[in-house]
């Protein structure tokens, strides 16, 4: 049992079965309570009708009071009741009208009551106004004093009374007062066993138990099937999750529905796809870092070995070697700094010192840093700024780093004696837009979607020769995103490349 409760399938099946059992039990109890009440009420109504018929037949002109004191109720005038009244009237036609029960021929009355009791299957007792039994169809209480009976006491006071006795066999008892000319004339006391009612209820109970057993069997089967629809996808998810925990990132689960389990399976597949992408990125990142570090380290090691071999004493060899070692060391420092910056951005540990920033002035400052390269290439800066632009809201040092990177790339791939165009405007949503456009060779379409990935270079050998590591644009994109903006590229081969970015403006409240 404990093992059964340890699985979702077992708990679902048991809870489903328990729900069915409780529902059927409550429904059965309510049904039997209603049926028993209905049968008892029907039997009571029948006994009241019999008492009225008996009273009117024995003492023409008498009125037998029923529930709430009413006399003749049209609801009792069924075909069976009318037939019973005709039979009783024939049997008591020799009775003299206008007399009380005590004045009747008791022998004739006893014979009539026995015959009437046999026809109605009801015990008939006729009581006088003092509660003494004049006639008992069962011939057991002839002459007995029933004035102490609660039903008789209530009937002698002119009130109808009834009860279900607890004796064996159980019976329904009704006591109906009889009035003659508005005065009490006696009591008709009827009793009928509940054997027929109990037999019907017993048959219904047996049928209910049988049908309940069948329903429970069907419920167990339905519960197992229903729980299986939940447990099987969860089992597949559990197995796939265990496989992922063991390093199998190719694990997938089939998506066979659009419900919550189907969406969970789809989310799991998306998660594993991202894990695979992250794993490939991690592998590529380590490989790229190793490759980037190996080249300058190998160069430095070769230079040191050459110097150690005796070239250190020759100034013409030593000085160029030391300059080369210094450049390679600077390259390593830049690479390590770039990696640290990316790590801080990824971990949200980068602290931005935001303040209002004049983008036009920042572009000119970045261009001044690249003045020597621009002069060597004969390049010029064309700055176009929309009027009345608000300042940007950001860290000027980090934004300067972004602009230097973008302008440096534009200079690097622009033809000699060309212009690098920078446009500053405003987006419809209020963000500031800055675009850096060159007239270089452009980027192939198949490579455009990878631009901005870490260590990605369109021309690896050429970029490395020019000092690029493939991290500049990745850093620029990460810094722009850290400011709440966006960076993207548009390029056509042979036409040029445009790098666009958006930045938030200075808040109106100055915060």
Protein backbone atom coordinates (compact mmCIF):
# COMPACT_ATOMS: atom_id res chain seq x y z
CA UNK A 1 0.00 0.00 0.00
CA UNK A 2 2.85 2.38 0.83
CA UNK A 3 4.42 1.66 -2.54
CA UNK A 4 1.09 2.37 -4.23
CA UNK A 5 0.86 5.77 -2.54
CA UNK A 6 4.45 6.58 -3.54
CA UNK A 7 3.54 6.92 -7.23
CA UNK A 8 1.39 9.59 -8.87
CA UNK A 9 -0.49 6.91 -10.77
CA UNK A 10 -1.37 5.10 -7.55
CA UNK A 11 -2.45 8.29 -5.77
CA UNK A 12 -4.55 9.40 -8.74
CA UNK A 13 -6.24 6.00 -8.98
CA UNK A 14 -6.97 5.80 -5.25
CA UNK A 15 -8.21 9.39 -5.05
CA UNK A 16 -10.44 8.80 -8.09
CA UNK A 17 -11.81 5.62 -6.53
CA UNK A 18 -12.32 7.29 -3.15
CA UNK A 19 -14.21 10.11 -4.80
CA UNK A 20 -16.49 7.66 -6.59
CA UNK A 21 -17.10 5.66 -3.37
CA UNK A 22 -17.94 8.79 -1.36
CA UNK A 23 -20.19 10.15 -4.11
CA UNK A 24 -22.04 6.84 -4.52
CA UNK A 25 -22.37 6.40 -0.76
CA UNK A 26 -23.84 9.85 -0.26
CA UNK A 27 -26.09 9.49 -3.31
CA UNK A 28 -27.27 6.05 -2.13
CA UNK A 29 -27.95 7.25 1.40
CA UNK A 30 -29.91 10.25 0.12
CA UNK A 31 -31.82 8.12 -2.39
CA UNK A 32 -32.83 5.49 0.17
CA UNK A 33 -33.80 8.16 2.66
CA UNK A 34 -36.03 9.81 0.08
CA UNK A 35 -37.51 6.50 -1.07
CA UNK A 36 -38.22 5.35 2.48
CA UNK A 37 -39.86 8.67 3.26
CA UNK A 38 -41.91 8.45 0.07
CA UNK A 39 -43.08 4.89 0.77
CA UNK A 40 -43.92 5.65 4.39
CA UNK A 41 -45.87 8.74 3.35
CA UNK A 42 -47.73 6.73 0.73
CA UNK A 43 -48.54 4.03 3.29
CA UNK A 44 -49.68 6.65 5.78
CA UNK A 45 -51.91 8.28 3.18
CA UNK A 46 -53.34 4.88 2.35
CA UNK A 47 -54.09 4.14 6.02
CA UNK A 48 -55.76 7.53 6.44
CA UNK A 49 -57.95 6.82 3.42
CA UNK A 50 -58.82 3.39 4.85
CA UNK A 51 -59.67 4.93 8.22
CA UNK A 52 -62.04 7.42 6.61
CA UNK A 53 -63.71 4.71 4.55
CA UNK A 54 -64.06 2.51 7.63
CA UNK A 55 -65.52 5.32 9.73
CA UNK A 56 -68.04 6.34 7.07
CA UNK A 57 -69.03 2.76 6.42
CA UNK A 58 -69.50 1.88 10.09
CA UNK A 59 -71.22 5.12 11.05
CA UNK A 60 -72.84 6.89 8.06
CA UNK A 61 -72.62 10.66 8.42
CA UNK A 62 -69.46 10.50 10.54
CA UNK A 63 -66.37 12.51 9.63
CA UNK A 64 -62.83 11.09 10.12
CA UNK A 65 -60.26 13.81 10.62
CA UNK A 66 -56.99 13.43 8.70
CA UNK A 67 -53.79 15.46 8.79
CA UNK A 68 -54.34 19.12 9.72
CA UNK A 69 -57.93 18.19 10.72
CA UNK A 70 -59.37 18.04 7.22
CA UNK A 71 -62.25 15.78 6.46
CA UNK A 72 -62.83 14.26 3.08
CA UNK A 73 -59.80 14.83 0.83
CA UNK A 74 -60.40 14.47 -2.91
CA UNK A 75 -56.85 13.25 -3.30
CA UNK A 76 -57.83 9.96 -1.69
CA UNK A 77 -60.66 9.22 -4.12
CA UNK A 78 -58.72 6.80 -6.26
CA UNK A 79 -60.29 3.84 -8.03
CA UNK A 80 -58.98 1.37 -5.45
CA UNK A 81 -60.32 3.47 -2.57
CA UNK A 82 -63.76 3.74 -4.14
CA UNK A 83 -63.86 -0.03 -4.72
CA UNK A 84 -62.83 -0.64 -1.08
CA UNK A 85 -65.56 1.73 0.10
CA UNK A 86 -68.20 -0.10 -1.94
CA UNK A 87 -67.16 -3.46 -0.44
CA UNK A 88 -67.23 -2.07 3.10
CA UNK A 89 -70.58 -0.41 2.57
CA UNK A 90 -72.16 -3.70 1.45
CA UNK A 91 -70.75 -5.49 4.47
CA UNK A 92 -72.07 -2.83 6.92
CA UNK A 93 -75.38 -2.00 5.24
CA UNK A 94 -77.34 -3.43 8.19
CA UNK A 95 -75.87 -0.82 10.57
CA UNK A 96 -78.33 1.73 11.84
CA UNK A 97 -77.44 5.37 11.06
CA UNK A 98 -77.48 8.09 13.68
CA UNK A 99 -76.05 6.03 16.56
CA UNK A 100 -72.67 6.07 18.33
CA UNK A 101 -70.03 3.33 18.11
CA UNK A 102 -71.08 1.93 21.49
CA UNK A 103 -74.63 1.37 20.18
CA UNK A 104 -73.53 -0.77 17.21
CA UNK A 105 -73.84 -4.53 17.01
CA UNK A 106 -70.34 -5.42 18.19
CA UNK A 107 -70.56 -8.99 16.92
CA UNK A 108 -71.48 -7.81 13.45
CA UNK A 109 -68.88 -5.08 13.68
CA UNK A 110 -66.19 -7.58 14.73
CA UNK A 111 -67.08 -9.88 11.81
CA UNK A 112 -66.99 -6.93 9.41
CA UNK A 113 -63.66 -5.72 10.77
CA UNK A 114 -62.09 -9.18 10.37
CA UNK A 115 -63.23 -9.38 6.76
CA UNK A 116 -62.16 -5.78 6.14
CA UNK A 117 -58.78 -6.40 7.76
CA UNK A 118 -58.23 -9.45 5.53
CA UNK A 119 -59.02 -7.44 2.41
CA UNK A 120 -56.90 -4.43 3.35
CA UNK A 121 -54.11 -6.43 5.07
CA UNK A 122 -54.50 -3.94 7.88
CA UNK A 123 -55.15 -4.42 11.58
CA UNK A 124 -58.31 -2.48 12.50
CA UNK A 125 -59.11 -1.40 16.04
CA UNK A 126 -62.23 0.56 16.86
CA UNK A 127 -62.08 2.55 20.12
CA UNK A 128 -64.85 4.36 21.95
CA UNK A 129 -64.58 7.89 23.31
CA UNK A 130 -62.89 6.57 26.44
CA UNK A 131 -60.09 4.79 24.64
CA UNK A 132 -61.47 1.27 25.19
CA UNK A 133 -61.04 -1.18 22.32
CA UNK A 134 -64.46 -2.20 21.02
CA UNK A 135 -63.25 -4.21 18.08
CA UNK A 136 -59.79 -5.63 17.23
CA UNK A 137 -59.52 -7.44 13.89
CA UNK A 138 -56.55 -9.37 15.32
CA UNK A 139 -58.74 -10.32 18.33
CA UNK A 140 -55.85 -9.62 20.72
CA UNK A 141 -56.88 -6.44 22.58
CA UNK A 142 -60.65 -6.81 22.70
CA UNK A 143 -61.86 -4.61 25.60
CA UNK A 144 -58.36 -3.34 26.38
CA UNK A 145 -57.90 0.22 27.56
CA UNK A 146 -55.55 2.12 25.22
CA UNK A 147 -56.18 5.53 26.70
CA UNK A 148 -52.49 5.67 27.71
CA UNK A 149 -51.29 5.26 24.13
CA UNK A 150 -49.86 8.57 22.87
CA UNK A 151 -51.59 8.19 19.50
CA UNK A 152 -54.91 7.42 21.12
CA UNK A 153 -54.58 10.37 23.50
CA UNK A 154 -53.95 12.71 20.59
CA UNK A 155 -56.85 11.23 18.60
CA UNK A 156 -59.22 11.54 21.57
CA UNK A 157 -58.37 15.23 21.63
CA UNK A 158 -59.59 15.43 18.03
CA UNK A 159 -56.16 15.43 16.39
CA UNK A 160 -54.88 13.02 13.78
CA UNK A 161 -51.75 11.07 14.87
CA UNK A 162 -49.33 8.61 13.28
CA UNK A 163 -46.00 6.88 14.00
CA UNK A 164 -43.73 4.14 12.77
CA UNK A 165 -43.38 1.54 15.48
CA UNK A 166 -40.05 0.02 16.47
CA UNK A 167 -41.51 -3.34 17.35
CA UNK A 168 -40.85 -6.50 15.37
CA UNK A 169 -42.18 -6.67 12.81
CA UNK A 170 -42.20 -2.92 12.32
CA UNK A 171 -45.53 -1.35 11.41
CA UNK A 172 -47.12 1.98 10.55
CA UNK A 173 -49.81 3.13 13.03
CA UNK A 174 -52.41 5.85 12.49
CA UNK A 175 -55.13 7.01 14.87
CA UNK A 176 -57.97 8.95 13.24
CA UNK A 177 -60.62 10.68 15.40
CA UNK A 178 -64.23 10.16 14.30
CA UNK A 179 -66.72 13.00 14.71
CA UNK A 180 -70.48 12.73 14.52
CA UNK A 181 -72.40 15.98 14.30
CA UNK A 182 -69.27 17.78 15.48
CA UNK A 183 -68.87 15.63 18.62
CA UNK A 184 -66.28 12.87 19.22
CA UNK A 185 -67.73 9.45 18.45
CA UNK A 186 -64.61 7.30 18.77
CA UNK A 187 -61.27 6.46 17.18
CA UNK A 188 -60.26 4.31 14.24
CA UNK A 189 -56.82 2.87 15.03
CA UNK A 190 -55.14 1.20 12.02
CA UNK A 191 -51.83 -0.65 11.86
CA UNK A 192 -50.09 -2.12 8.82
CA UNK A 193 -46.74 -3.99 8.78
CA UNK A 194 -43.89 -2.49 6.82
CA UNK A 195 -42.92 -5.81 5.30
CA UNK A 196 -43.80 -4.73 1.74
CA UNK A 197 -41.98 -1.44 2.12
CA UNK A 198 -38.90 -3.14 3.59
CA UNK A 199 -39.00 -5.77 0.86
CA UNK A 200 -39.04 -3.12 -1.88
CA UNK A 201 -36.25 -1.18 -0.17
CA UNK A 202 -34.27 -4.41 0.24
CA UNK A 203 -34.61 -5.20 -3.46
CA UNK A 204 -33.54 -1.68 -4.32
CA UNK A 205 -30.60 -1.95 -1.92
CA UNK A 206 -29.46 -5.20 -3.51
CA UNK A 207 -29.72 -3.68 -6.97
CA UNK A 208 -27.83 -0.60 -5.78
CA UNK A 209 -25.05 -2.72 -4.26
CA UNK A 210 -24.73 -4.73 -7.46
CA UNK A 211 -24.66 -1.64 -9.65
CA UNK A 212 -22.24 0.05 -7.24
CA UNK A 213 -19.88 -2.90 -7.52
CA UNK A 214 -19.98 -2.71 -11.30
CA UNK A 215 -19.47 1.04 -11.23
CA UNK A 216 -16.52 0.63 -8.87
CA UNK A 217 -14.92 -1.86 -11.23
CA UNK A 218 -15.44 0.51 -14.13
CA UNK A 219 -14.11 3.37 -12.00
CA UNK A 220 -10.95 1.42 -11.20
CA UNK A 221 -10.39 0.81 -14.90
CA UNK A 222 -11.14 4.43 -15.77
CA UNK A 223 -8.90 5.63 -12.93
CA UNK A 224 -6.02 3.47 -14.16
CA UNK A 225 -6.42 4.73 -17.71
CA UNK A 226 -6.76 8.32 -16.55
CA UNK A 227 -3.76 8.12 -14.26
CA UNK A 228 -1.79 6.50 -17.06
CA UNK A 229 -2.36 9.53 -19.28
CA UNK A 230 -0.68 11.61 -16.58
CA UNK A 231 1.95 9.21 -15.35
CA UNK A 232 3.37 8.16 -18.74
CA UNK A 233 4.32 11.69 -19.88
CA UNK A 234 5.70 12.39 -16.41
CA UNK A 235 7.65 9.15 -16.56
CA UNK A 236 9.12 10.15 -19.91
CA UNK A 237 9.99 13.57 -18.51
CA UNK A 238 11.64 11.97 -15.47
CA UNK A 239 13.70 9.63 -17.65
CA UNK A 240 14.73 12.48 -19.94
CA UNK A 241 15.65 14.69 -16.97
CA UNK A 242 17.74 11.86 -15.52
CA UNK A 243 19.49 11.49 -18.88
CA UNK A 244 20.24 15.22 -18.97
CA UNK A 245 21.61 15.06 -15.43
CA UNK A 246 23.99 12.35 -16.67
CA UNK A 247 25.20 14.60 -19.47
CA UNK A 248 22.96 13.49 -22.35
CA UNK A 249 21.84 16.86 -23.69
CA UNK A 250 20.22 15.24 -26.73
CA UNK A 251 17.39 13.82 -24.60
CA UNK A 252 13.94 14.82 -25.89
CA UNK A 253 10.36 13.90 -24.97
CA UNK A 254 7.52 13.56 -27.49
CA UNK A 255 4.84 16.25 -27.38
CA UNK A 256 1.52 14.45 -27.94
CA UNK A 257 -1.01 16.92 -26.55
CA UNK A 258 -1.65 20.62 -26.19
CA UNK A 259 -2.55 20.48 -22.49
CA UNK A 260 -0.37 21.35 -19.50
CA UNK A 261 1.67 18.14 -19.86
CA UNK A 262 2.20 18.83 -23.55
CA UNK A 263 3.35 22.37 -22.80
CA UNK A 264 5.61 21.04 -20.06
CA UNK A 265 7.16 18.58 -22.52
CA UNK A 266 7.65 21.35 -25.09
CA UNK A 267 9.25 23.57 -22.43
CA UNK A 268 11.57 20.70 -21.47
CA UNK A 269 12.61 20.26 -25.10
CA UNK A 270 13.27 24.00 -25.38
CA UNK A 271 15.31 23.84 -22.20
CA UNK A 272 17.48 21.00 -23.49
CA UNK A 273 17.90 22.84 -26.80
CA UNK A 274 19.16 25.87 -24.90
CA UNK A 275 21.42 23.68 -22.80
CA UNK A 276 22.89 22.19 -25.97
CA UNK A 277 23.39 25.65 -27.42
CA UNK A 278 24.96 26.86 -24.17
CA UNK A 279 27.17 23.79 -24.07
CA UNK A 280 28.31 24.34 -27.65
CA UNK A 281 28.88 28.01 -26.86
CA UNK A 282 30.91 27.06 -23.82
CA UNK A 283 33.01 24.61 -25.82
CA UNK A 284 33.50 27.15 -28.60
CA UNK A 285 34.28 29.85 -26.05
CA UNK A 286 36.98 27.77 -24.38
CA UNK A 287 38.40 26.80 -27.77
CA UNK A 288 38.39 30.41 -28.96
CA UNK A 289 39.94 31.74 -25.77
CA UNK A 290 42.60 29.05 -25.94
CA UNK A 291 43.29 29.90 -29.56
CA UNK A 292 43.45 33.64 -28.89
CA UNK A 293 45.78 33.15 -25.96
CA UNK A 294 48.00 30.61 -27.67
CA UNK A 295 49.07 32.89 -30.53
CA UNK A 296 50.52 35.77 -28.47
CA UNK A 297 51.90 33.41 -25.84
CA UNK A 298 53.63 31.32 -28.49
CA UNK A 299 55.03 34.48 -30.03
CA UNK A 300 56.31 35.75 -26.69
CA UNK A 301 57.82 32.38 -25.83
CA UNK A 302 59.63 32.27 -29.18
CA UNK A 303 60.99 35.74 -28.69
CA UNK A 304 62.21 34.90 -25.20
CA UNK A 305 63.93 31.73 -26.39
CA UNK A 306 65.63 33.71 -29.14
CA UNK A 307 66.78 36.34 -26.68
CA UNK A 308 67.95 33.68 -24.25
CA UNK A 309 69.98 32.11 -27.04
CA UNK A 310 72.21 35.17 -27.25
CA UNK A 311 70.21 37.77 -29.16
CA UNK A 312 69.80 39.78 -25.97
CA UNK A 313 73.31 41.13 -26.46
CA UNK A 314 72.58 42.39 -29.98
CA UNK A 315 70.60 45.67 -29.77
CA UNK A 316 69.45 45.42 -33.39
CA UNK A 317 67.75 42.08 -32.66
CA UNK A 318 66.85 42.66 -29.03
CA UNK A 319 64.93 45.94 -29.38
CA UNK A 320 62.49 44.79 -32.13
CA UNK A 321 61.92 41.55 -30.22
CA UNK A 322 61.10 43.46 -27.05
CA UNK A 323 58.71 45.76 -28.93
CA UNK A 324 56.95 42.73 -30.39
CA UNK A 325 56.74 41.10 -26.95
CA UNK A 326 55.31 44.34 -25.56
CA UNK A 327 52.61 44.48 -28.27
CA UNK A 328 51.67 40.85 -27.70
CA UNK A 329 51.49 41.48 -23.94
CA UNK A 330 49.16 44.44 -24.52
CA UNK A 331 47.06 42.22 -26.73
CA UNK A 332 46.78 39.64 -23.94
CA UNK A 333 45.83 42.34 -21.45
CA UNK A 334 43.10 43.66 -23.77
CA UNK A 335 41.75 40.15 -24.29
CA UNK A 336 41.66 39.41 -20.56
CA UNK A 337 40.00 42.78 -19.84
CA UNK A 338 37.38 42.11 -22.53
CA UNK A 339 36.63 38.71 -21.07
CA UNK A 340 36.30 40.16 -17.58
CA UNK A 341 33.95 42.86 -18.87
CA UNK A 342 31.74 40.30 -20.62
CA UNK A 343 31.68 38.19 -17.47
CA UNK A 344 30.55 41.16 -15.39
CA UNK A 345 27.83 42.04 -17.90
CA UNK A 346 26.58 38.46 -18.01
CA UNK A 347 26.41 38.25 -14.23
CA UNK A 348 24.69 41.65 -13.96
CA UNK A 349 27.62 42.83 -11.84
CA UNK A 350 28.49 45.73 -14.13
CA UNK A 351 27.88 49.03 -12.37
CA UNK A 352 26.71 51.81 -14.67
CA UNK A 353 27.20 55.38 -13.53
CA UNK A 354 24.33 56.96 -15.41
CA UNK A 355 24.01 60.63 -16.15
CA UNK A 356 22.86 62.79 -19.06
CA UNK A 357 25.08 62.19 -22.10
CA UNK A 358 25.41 64.37 -25.24
CA UNK A 359 25.67 61.71 -27.96
CA UNK A 360 26.99 64.13 -30.59
CA UNK A 361 29.81 65.23 -28.30
CA UNK A 362 30.54 61.60 -27.39
CA UNK A 363 30.82 60.68 -31.09
CA UNK A 364 33.32 63.48 -31.68
CA UNK A 365 35.35 62.37 -28.63
CA UNK A 366 35.48 58.80 -29.96
CA UNK A 367 36.54 60.06 -33.40
CA UNK A 368 39.39 62.03 -31.84
CA UNK A 369 40.71 58.84 -30.29
CA UNK A 370 40.83 57.34 -33.78
CA UNK A 371 42.26 60.45 -35.41
CA UNK A 372 45.62 58.87 -36.32
CA UNK A 373 44.01 55.89 -38.06
CA UNK A 374 41.49 58.15 -39.81
CA UNK A 375 44.36 60.38 -41.03
CA UNK A 376 46.31 57.40 -42.31
CA UNK A 377 43.28 56.23 -44.29
CA UNK A 378 42.14 59.66 -45.36
CA UNK A 379 38.72 59.07 -43.78
CA UNK A 380 36.41 61.79 -42.54
CA UNK A 381 33.46 61.91 -40.12
CA UNK A 382 30.03 63.06 -41.32
CA UNK A 383 27.84 63.74 -38.26
CA UNK A 384 24.10 64.30 -38.79
CA UNK A 385 22.03 65.20 -35.71
CA UNK A 386 18.30 65.86 -35.48
CA UNK A 387 17.42 69.17 -33.82
CA UNK A 388 16.32 69.50 -30.20
CA UNK A 389 17.28 65.99 -29.14
CA UNK A 390 17.28 65.24 -25.41
CA UNK A 391 20.47 63.85 -23.92
CA UNK A 392 20.86 60.10 -23.51
CA UNK A 393 20.77 58.51 -20.07
CA UNK A 394 23.81 56.30 -19.55
CA UNK A 395 27.39 55.77 -18.44
CA UNK A 396 29.55 58.02 -20.66
CA UNK A 397 32.67 55.88 -20.26
CA UNK A 398 30.88 52.70 -21.35
CA UNK A 399 29.07 54.44 -24.20
CA UNK A 400 32.38 55.93 -25.35
CA UNK A 401 33.79 52.40 -25.41
CA UNK A 402 30.87 51.32 -27.63
CA UNK A 403 31.31 54.23 -30.06
CA UNK A 404 35.08 53.73 -30.32
CA UNK A 405 34.47 50.09 -31.22
CA UNK A 406 31.84 50.92 -33.87
CA UNK A 407 33.87 53.73 -35.44
CA UNK A 408 37.01 51.62 -35.38
CA UNK A 409 35.22 48.83 -37.27
CA UNK A 410 33.83 51.35 -39.76
CA UNK A 411 37.33 52.75 -40.39
CA UNK A 412 38.84 49.29 -40.60
CA UNK A 413 36.66 48.13 -43.47
CA UNK A 414 36.05 51.46 -45.26
CA UNK A 415 37.90 52.20 -48.51
CA UNK A 416 40.56 54.98 -48.42
CA UNK A 417 39.47 58.59 -48.65
CA UNK A 418 35.84 57.77 -47.70
CA UNK A 419 33.50 59.17 -45.08
CA UNK A 420 32.02 57.44 -42.04
CA UNK A 421 28.49 58.75 -41.48
CA UNK A 422 26.94 58.97 -38.00
CA UNK A 423 23.25 59.86 -37.68
CA UNK A 424 21.56 60.67 -34.37
CA UNK A 425 17.78 60.84 -34.20
CA UNK A 426 14.75 59.78 -32.19
CA UNK A 427 12.56 56.71 -32.48
CA UNK A 428 8.73 56.93 -32.41
CA UNK A 429 8.73 55.35 -28.95
CA UNK A 430 10.99 58.09 -27.57
CA UNK A 431 14.28 56.17 -27.58
CA UNK A 432 17.34 57.82 -29.08
CA UNK A 433 18.75 56.19 -32.21
CA UNK A 434 22.39 56.30 -33.33
CA UNK A 435 23.62 54.83 -36.65
CA UNK A 436 27.18 54.31 -37.87
CA UNK A 437 27.37 53.81 -41.64
CA UNK A 438 30.39 52.92 -43.76
CA UNK A 439 30.94 52.30 -47.46
CA UNK A 440 33.08 49.23 -47.04
CA UNK A 441 32.94 45.76 -48.52
CA UNK A 442 29.88 44.76 -46.50
CA UNK A 443 29.11 41.45 -44.78
CA UNK A 444 27.92 38.27 -46.54
CA UNK A 445 24.28 37.45 -45.81
CA UNK A 446 25.10 34.02 -44.37
CA UNK A 447 27.51 35.61 -41.89
CA UNK A 448 25.31 38.56 -40.90
CA UNK A 449 23.26 36.56 -38.38
CA UNK A 450 26.43 35.53 -36.53
CA UNK A 451 27.87 39.02 -36.23
CA UNK A 452 28.03 39.91 -32.54
CA UNK A 453 28.68 36.37 -31.37
CA UNK A 454 31.75 36.08 -29.21
CA UNK A 455 34.98 35.41 -31.13
CA UNK A 456 33.12 35.32 -34.43
CA UNK A 457 34.96 36.91 -37.33
CA UNK A 458 33.93 36.98 -40.96
CA UNK A 459 37.57 36.77 -42.06
CA UNK A 460 39.43 35.20 -39.19
CA UNK A 461 42.95 35.46 -40.55
CA UNK A 462 42.53 39.06 -41.67
CA UNK A 463 40.90 40.13 -38.41
CA UNK A 464 43.57 38.57 -36.31
CA UNK A 465 46.24 40.21 -38.36
CA UNK A 466 44.59 43.55 -37.73
CA UNK A 467 44.44 42.88 -34.02
CA UNK A 468 40.77 41.91 -33.68
CA UNK A 469 39.63 39.17 -31.31
CA UNK A 470 35.96 38.97 -32.31
CA UNK A 471 34.84 40.34 -28.96
CA UNK A 472 34.43 44.04 -29.77
CA UNK A 473 30.94 43.93 -31.22
CA UNK A 474 29.81 41.39 -28.59
CA UNK A 475 30.97 43.80 -25.88
CA UNK A 476 29.26 46.74 -27.59
CA UNK A 477 25.97 44.83 -27.84
CA UNK A 478 26.15 43.72 -24.20
CA UNK A 479 26.85 47.28 -22.99
CA UNK A 480 23.96 48.72 -25.04
CA UNK A 481 21.61 46.05 -23.67
CA UNK A 482 22.80 46.83 -20.14
CA UNK A 483 21.64 50.41 -20.76
CA UNK A 484 18.20 49.15 -21.78
CA UNK A 485 18.79 49.59 -25.51
CA UNK A 486 19.28 47.42 -28.58
CA UNK A 487 22.02 47.00 -31.24
CA UNK A 488 21.64 45.48 -34.70
CA UNK A 489 23.34 45.43 -38.11
CA UNK A 490 22.26 45.91 -41.72
CA UNK A 491 24.72 45.14 -44.49
CA UNK A 492 24.97 44.48 -48.22
CA UNK A 493 28.08 43.13 -49.92
CA UNK A 494 29.80 45.78 -52.01
CA UNK A 495 27.58 48.55 -50.57
CA UNK A 496 28.49 48.89 -46.92
CA UNK A 497 27.33 48.25 -43.38
CA UNK A 498 25.10 50.20 -40.99
CA UNK A 499 25.20 49.53 -37.26
CA UNK A 500 22.19 50.90 -35.36
CA UNK A 501 21.61 51.19 -31.63
CA UNK A 502 18.96 52.69 -29.35
CA UNK A 503 19.39 54.26 -25.92
CA UNK A 504 16.93 55.64 -23.37
CA UNK A 505 16.69 59.43 -23.04
CA UNK A 506 17.24 61.31 -19.82
CA UNK A 507 14.24 60.79 -17.49
CA UNK A 508 12.00 63.81 -17.11
CA UNK A 509 12.20 63.69 -13.30
CA UNK A 510 15.96 63.47 -13.40
CA UNK A 511 16.09 60.15 -11.53
